[in-house]
Amino acid sequence: MLFLGTTGLAAYASPISSITDAALTGATILSFEDVTVGQYVSLTLDNVTISTITYYEPNPSWTPVINVGNDVRQGKWVPPTDKYLDNYYADGHDLYFDFATNVSAFGLQIGRTNSSDVSLNAWDSAGNLIETVAIPDMSLWTNPSGYYGISSLAGNISSVSLNMARDPLYVDDFAYVESVATPVPAPATILLLGSSLVGLAGARRRNKA
């Protein structure tokens, strides 16, 4: 995954702080309830593939994985029956969400067990940063949480990165809205429209005569 840098795209994007935000109307919501508890190198659900990468690891033999769990002790911010996704407590594991088709908005419930800096970033298909949201500090083991996301007027969000500084992170209720493609007129339709305009212009000239 290649991320190139920032552009002026942020002017067309805005943060989301609630799953009831108007930008998420009609969203697909992934709650992970239908996913088997366990560890995954990557996980594809509907339109999104979730994966991870490590920048620091105390044990080089460990493989970076994501985890789907329902351990209430570690995830106090979710109800006891809920499942959630996390970065498996491994230091330096960022989470990535890649969309099969672009989306106009996304959001997710985020909880964590430490107070290091965490950022949520939206990228376009060319690797340009659309917008970033800083996740505020959360106290160790108390696992408070909040809902965070980004919407883009251009509907060009291709991927999301959740970057942390050696923190366990918990994710739930990942919502996204697929972009609606603007229909492109077929050549025959354009030709027919052009012929109609020419005919209309001719009729006007005859009427004037």
Protein backbone atom coordinates (compact mmCIF):
# COMPACT_ATOMS: atom_id res chain seq x y z
CA MET A 1 0.00 0.00 0.00
CA LEU A 2 1.57 3.29 -1.14
CA PHE A 3 0.63 6.59 0.48
CA LEU A 4 2.09 9.60 -1.30
CA GLY A 5 1.14 12.65 0.70
CA THR A 6 -1.35 15.43 1.19
CA THR A 7 -3.33 17.42 -1.38
CA GLY A 8 -6.05 20.06 -1.33
CA LEU A 9 -8.62 17.30 -1.06
CA ALA A 10 -9.19 18.03 2.63
CA ALA A 11 -11.24 21.09 1.64
CA TYR A 12 -13.93 18.70 0.40
CA ALA A 13 -13.87 16.39 3.44
CA SER A 14 -15.19 16.64 6.97
CA PRO A 15 -15.00 14.56 10.17
CA ILE A 16 -17.83 12.36 11.46
CA SER A 17 -18.49 11.95 15.19
CA SER A 18 -21.65 9.83 15.28
CA ILE A 19 -23.07 6.79 13.50
CA THR A 20 -26.25 8.87 13.07
CA ASP A 21 -24.41 11.48 10.97
CA ALA A 22 -26.36 12.34 7.80
CA ALA A 23 -23.34 11.35 5.68
CA LEU A 24 -23.81 7.74 6.88
CA THR A 25 -27.46 7.51 5.87
CA GLY A 26 -28.05 4.11 4.24
CA ALA A 27 -24.61 2.87 5.31
CA THR A 28 -23.51 -0.76 5.39
CA ILE A 29 -22.55 -1.55 9.00
CA LEU A 30 -20.06 -4.27 9.94
CA SER A 31 -20.54 -5.36 13.56
CA PHE A 32 -18.40 -8.54 13.25
CA GLU A 33 -21.15 -10.60 14.91
CA ASP A 34 -21.12 -13.14 12.06
CA VAL A 35 -17.32 -13.51 12.06
CA THR A 36 -15.73 -16.48 13.82
CA VAL A 37 -13.65 -15.53 16.85
CA GLY A 38 -9.95 -15.92 16.03
CA GLN A 39 -6.90 -14.35 14.37
CA TYR A 40 -6.66 -13.35 10.72
CA VAL A 41 -3.83 -12.07 8.50
CA SER A 42 -6.56 -10.27 6.53
CA LEU A 43 -10.33 -10.30 6.58
CA THR A 44 -12.69 -9.43 3.71
CA LEU A 45 -16.26 -8.48 4.60
CA ASP A 46 -18.60 -7.17 1.90
CA ASN A 47 -16.83 -4.24 0.19
CA VAL A 48 -13.88 -3.90 2.59
CA THR A 49 -10.68 -5.87 3.25
CA ILE A 50 -9.10 -5.37 6.68
CA SER A 51 -5.38 -6.00 7.23
CA THR A 52 -2.49 -4.89 9.42
CA ILE A 53 1.21 -4.07 9.28
CA THR A 54 3.82 -3.72 12.00
CA TYR A 55 6.57 -1.11 12.45
CA TYR A 56 7.85 -2.41 15.77
CA GLU A 57 7.67 -5.88 17.25
CA PRO A 58 9.33 -7.20 20.40
CA ASN A 59 9.33 -10.70 18.90
CA PRO A 60 10.35 -10.72 15.20
CA SER A 61 8.89 -14.22 14.77
CA TRP A 62 5.37 -12.95 15.43
CA THR A 63 3.11 -12.48 12.40
CA PRO A 64 1.02 -9.30 12.43
CA VAL A 65 -2.62 -10.33 12.67
CA ILE A 66 -5.99 -8.85 13.39
CA ASN A 67 -8.22 -10.44 15.99
CA VAL A 68 -11.99 -10.88 16.24
CA GLY A 69 -12.95 -11.42 19.86
CA ASN A 70 -15.56 -11.00 22.55
CA ASP A 71 -13.33 -10.84 25.63
CA VAL A 72 -15.22 -8.46 27.88
CA ARG A 73 -12.22 -8.01 30.21
CA GLN A 74 -10.20 -6.53 27.36
CA GLY A 75 -13.11 -4.79 25.63
CA LYS A 76 -15.04 -3.12 28.42
CA TRP A 77 -16.37 -0.52 26.01
CA VAL A 78 -18.62 -3.04 24.20
CA PRO A 79 -21.58 -5.03 25.61
CA PRO A 80 -20.73 -8.58 26.82
CA THR A 81 -22.41 -10.23 23.84
CA ASP A 82 -20.76 -8.09 21.18
CA LYS A 83 -17.79 -9.07 19.07
CA TYR A 84 -15.15 -6.55 18.08
CA LEU A 85 -12.01 -6.35 15.97
CA ASP A 86 -8.61 -5.47 17.40
CA ASN A 87 -4.94 -5.45 16.44
CA TYR A 88 -4.19 -8.42 18.72
CA TYR A 89 -2.29 -6.46 21.38
CA ALA A 90 0.88 -6.41 19.28
CA ASP A 91 3.01 -3.28 19.43
CA GLY A 92 3.10 -1.12 16.34
CA HIS A 93 0.25 -2.76 14.45
CA ASP A 94 -1.66 -0.33 12.27
CA LEU A 95 -5.02 -1.31 10.80
CA TYR A 96 -5.95 -0.84 7.13
CA PHE A 97 -9.37 -0.89 5.50
CA ASP A 98 -9.30 -1.15 1.69
CA PHE A 99 -12.54 -0.67 -0.24
CA ALA A 100 -13.29 -2.65 -3.42
CA THR A 101 -15.18 0.41 -4.68
CA ASN A 102 -14.84 4.00 -3.49
CA VAL A 103 -16.97 5.27 -0.64
CA SER A 104 -18.25 8.74 0.20
CA ALA A 105 -18.18 8.30 3.98
CA PHE A 106 -17.16 5.88 6.72
CA GLY A 107 -17.12 5.72 10.48
CA LEU A 108 -16.19 3.30 13.26
CA GLN A 109 -16.37 2.90 17.02
CA ILE A 110 -12.84 3.05 18.44
CA GLY A 111 -11.61 2.08 21.90
CA ARG A 112 -8.06 1.54 23.15
CA THR A 113 -6.12 0.72 26.26
CA ASN A 114 -3.37 3.30 26.26
CA SER A 115 -2.81 6.99 25.66
CA SER A 116 -0.39 7.11 22.72
CA ASP A 117 -1.20 9.15 19.63
CA VAL A 118 -3.64 7.56 17.19
CA SER A 119 -4.79 8.97 13.85
CA LEU A 120 -7.55 7.99 11.45
CA ASN A 121 -6.76 8.73 7.80
CA ALA A 122 -8.72 8.60 4.54
CA TRP A 123 -6.87 8.10 1.22
CA ASP A 124 -7.84 8.21 -2.44
CA SER A 125 -6.84 5.54 -4.98
CA ALA A 126 -3.68 7.48 -5.92
CA GLY A 127 -2.42 7.44 -2.33
CA ASN A 128 -3.27 11.09 -1.61
CA LEU A 129 -4.37 11.95 1.90
CA ILE A 130 -7.93 13.25 1.86
CA GLU A 131 -8.37 13.97 5.57
CA THR A 132 -7.03 12.92 8.95
CA VAL A 133 -8.69 12.82 12.38
CA ALA A 134 -6.71 12.72 15.63
CA ILE A 135 -8.14 10.30 18.21
CA PRO A 136 -7.95 11.80 21.72
CA ASP A 137 -6.08 10.11 24.55
CA MET A 138 -7.83 7.31 26.42
CA SER A 139 -6.80 6.06 29.85
CA LEU A 140 -5.04 2.73 30.39
CA TRP A 141 -7.43 -0.26 30.80
CA THR A 142 -10.54 1.86 31.22
CA ASN A 143 -11.28 1.55 27.48
CA PRO A 144 -13.46 4.56 26.84
CA SER A 145 -14.49 4.85 23.23
CA GLY A 146 -15.83 7.24 20.65
CA TYR A 147 -17.21 7.22 17.13
CA TYR A 148 -14.97 8.67 14.44
CA GLY A 149 -15.11 8.89 10.67
CA ILE A 150 -14.66 11.01 7.56
CA SER A 151 -16.95 12.03 4.71
CA SER A 152 -15.84 13.22 1.26
CA LEU A 153 -17.97 15.29 -1.10
CA ALA A 154 -15.97 13.84 -4.00
CA GLY A 155 -16.90 10.29 -2.96
CA ASN A 156 -13.30 9.24 -3.57
CA ILE A 157 -12.30 7.42 -0.36
CA SER A 158 -10.44 4.29 -1.46
CA SER A 159 -8.80 3.21 1.79
CA VAL A 160 -8.55 4.02 5.48
CA SER A 161 -5.60 3.68 7.83
CA LEU A 162 -5.80 3.63 11.60
CA ASN A 163 -2.30 4.48 12.76
CA MET A 164 -1.23 4.07 16.35
CA ALA A 165 1.91 4.31 18.46
CA ARG A 166 2.25 0.84 20.02
CA ASP A 167 -1.32 0.61 21.30
CA PRO A 168 -3.98 -2.09 21.43
CA LEU A 169 -7.02 -0.80 19.54
CA TYR A 170 -10.60 -2.05 19.43
CA VAL A 171 -12.98 -1.44 16.53
CA ASP A 172 -16.71 -2.03 16.15
CA ASP A 173 -19.68 -0.85 14.04
CA PHE A 174 -17.61 -0.05 10.95
CA ALA A 175 -20.01 1.82 8.64
CA TYR A 176 -19.49 2.96 5.07
CA VAL A 177 -21.49 4.42 2.17
CA GLU A 178 -20.54 3.37 -1.33
CA SER A 179 -20.19 6.20 -3.84
CA VAL A 180 -22.91 6.51 -6.47
CA ALA A 181 -21.46 6.66 -9.98
CA THR A 182 -22.70 9.46 -12.23
CA PRO A 183 -24.23 7.91 -15.37
CA VAL A 184 -22.28 8.67 -18.56
CA PRO A 185 -24.48 9.13 -21.67
CA ALA A 186 -23.96 6.45 -24.32
CA PRO A 187 -22.66 7.64 -27.74
CA ALA A 188 -26.00 6.84 -29.38
CA THR A 189 -27.80 9.00 -26.81
CA ILE A 190 -25.42 11.90 -27.45
CA LEU A 191 -25.90 11.54 -31.22
CA LEU A 192 -29.68 11.50 -30.85
CA LEU A 193 -29.58 14.60 -28.64
CA GLY A 194 -27.37 16.38 -31.16
CA SER A 195 -29.70 15.50 -34.04
CA SER A 196 -32.68 16.79 -32.08
CA LEU A 197 -30.96 20.11 -31.40
CA VAL A 198 -30.06 20.50 -35.08
CA GLY A 199 -33.67 19.74 -36.08
CA LEU A 200 -34.98 22.24 -33.54
CA ALA A 201 -32.67 24.96 -34.86
CA GLY A 202 -33.83 24.26 -38.44
CA ALA A 203 -37.47 24.48 -37.46
CA ARG A 204 -36.91 27.83 -35.80
CA ARG A 205 -35.26 29.19 -38.94
CA ARG A 206 -38.21 28.06 -41.10
CA ASN A 207 -40.69 29.63 -38.73
CA LYS A 208 -38.85 32.94 -38.91
CA ALA A 209 -38.90 32.77 -42.71
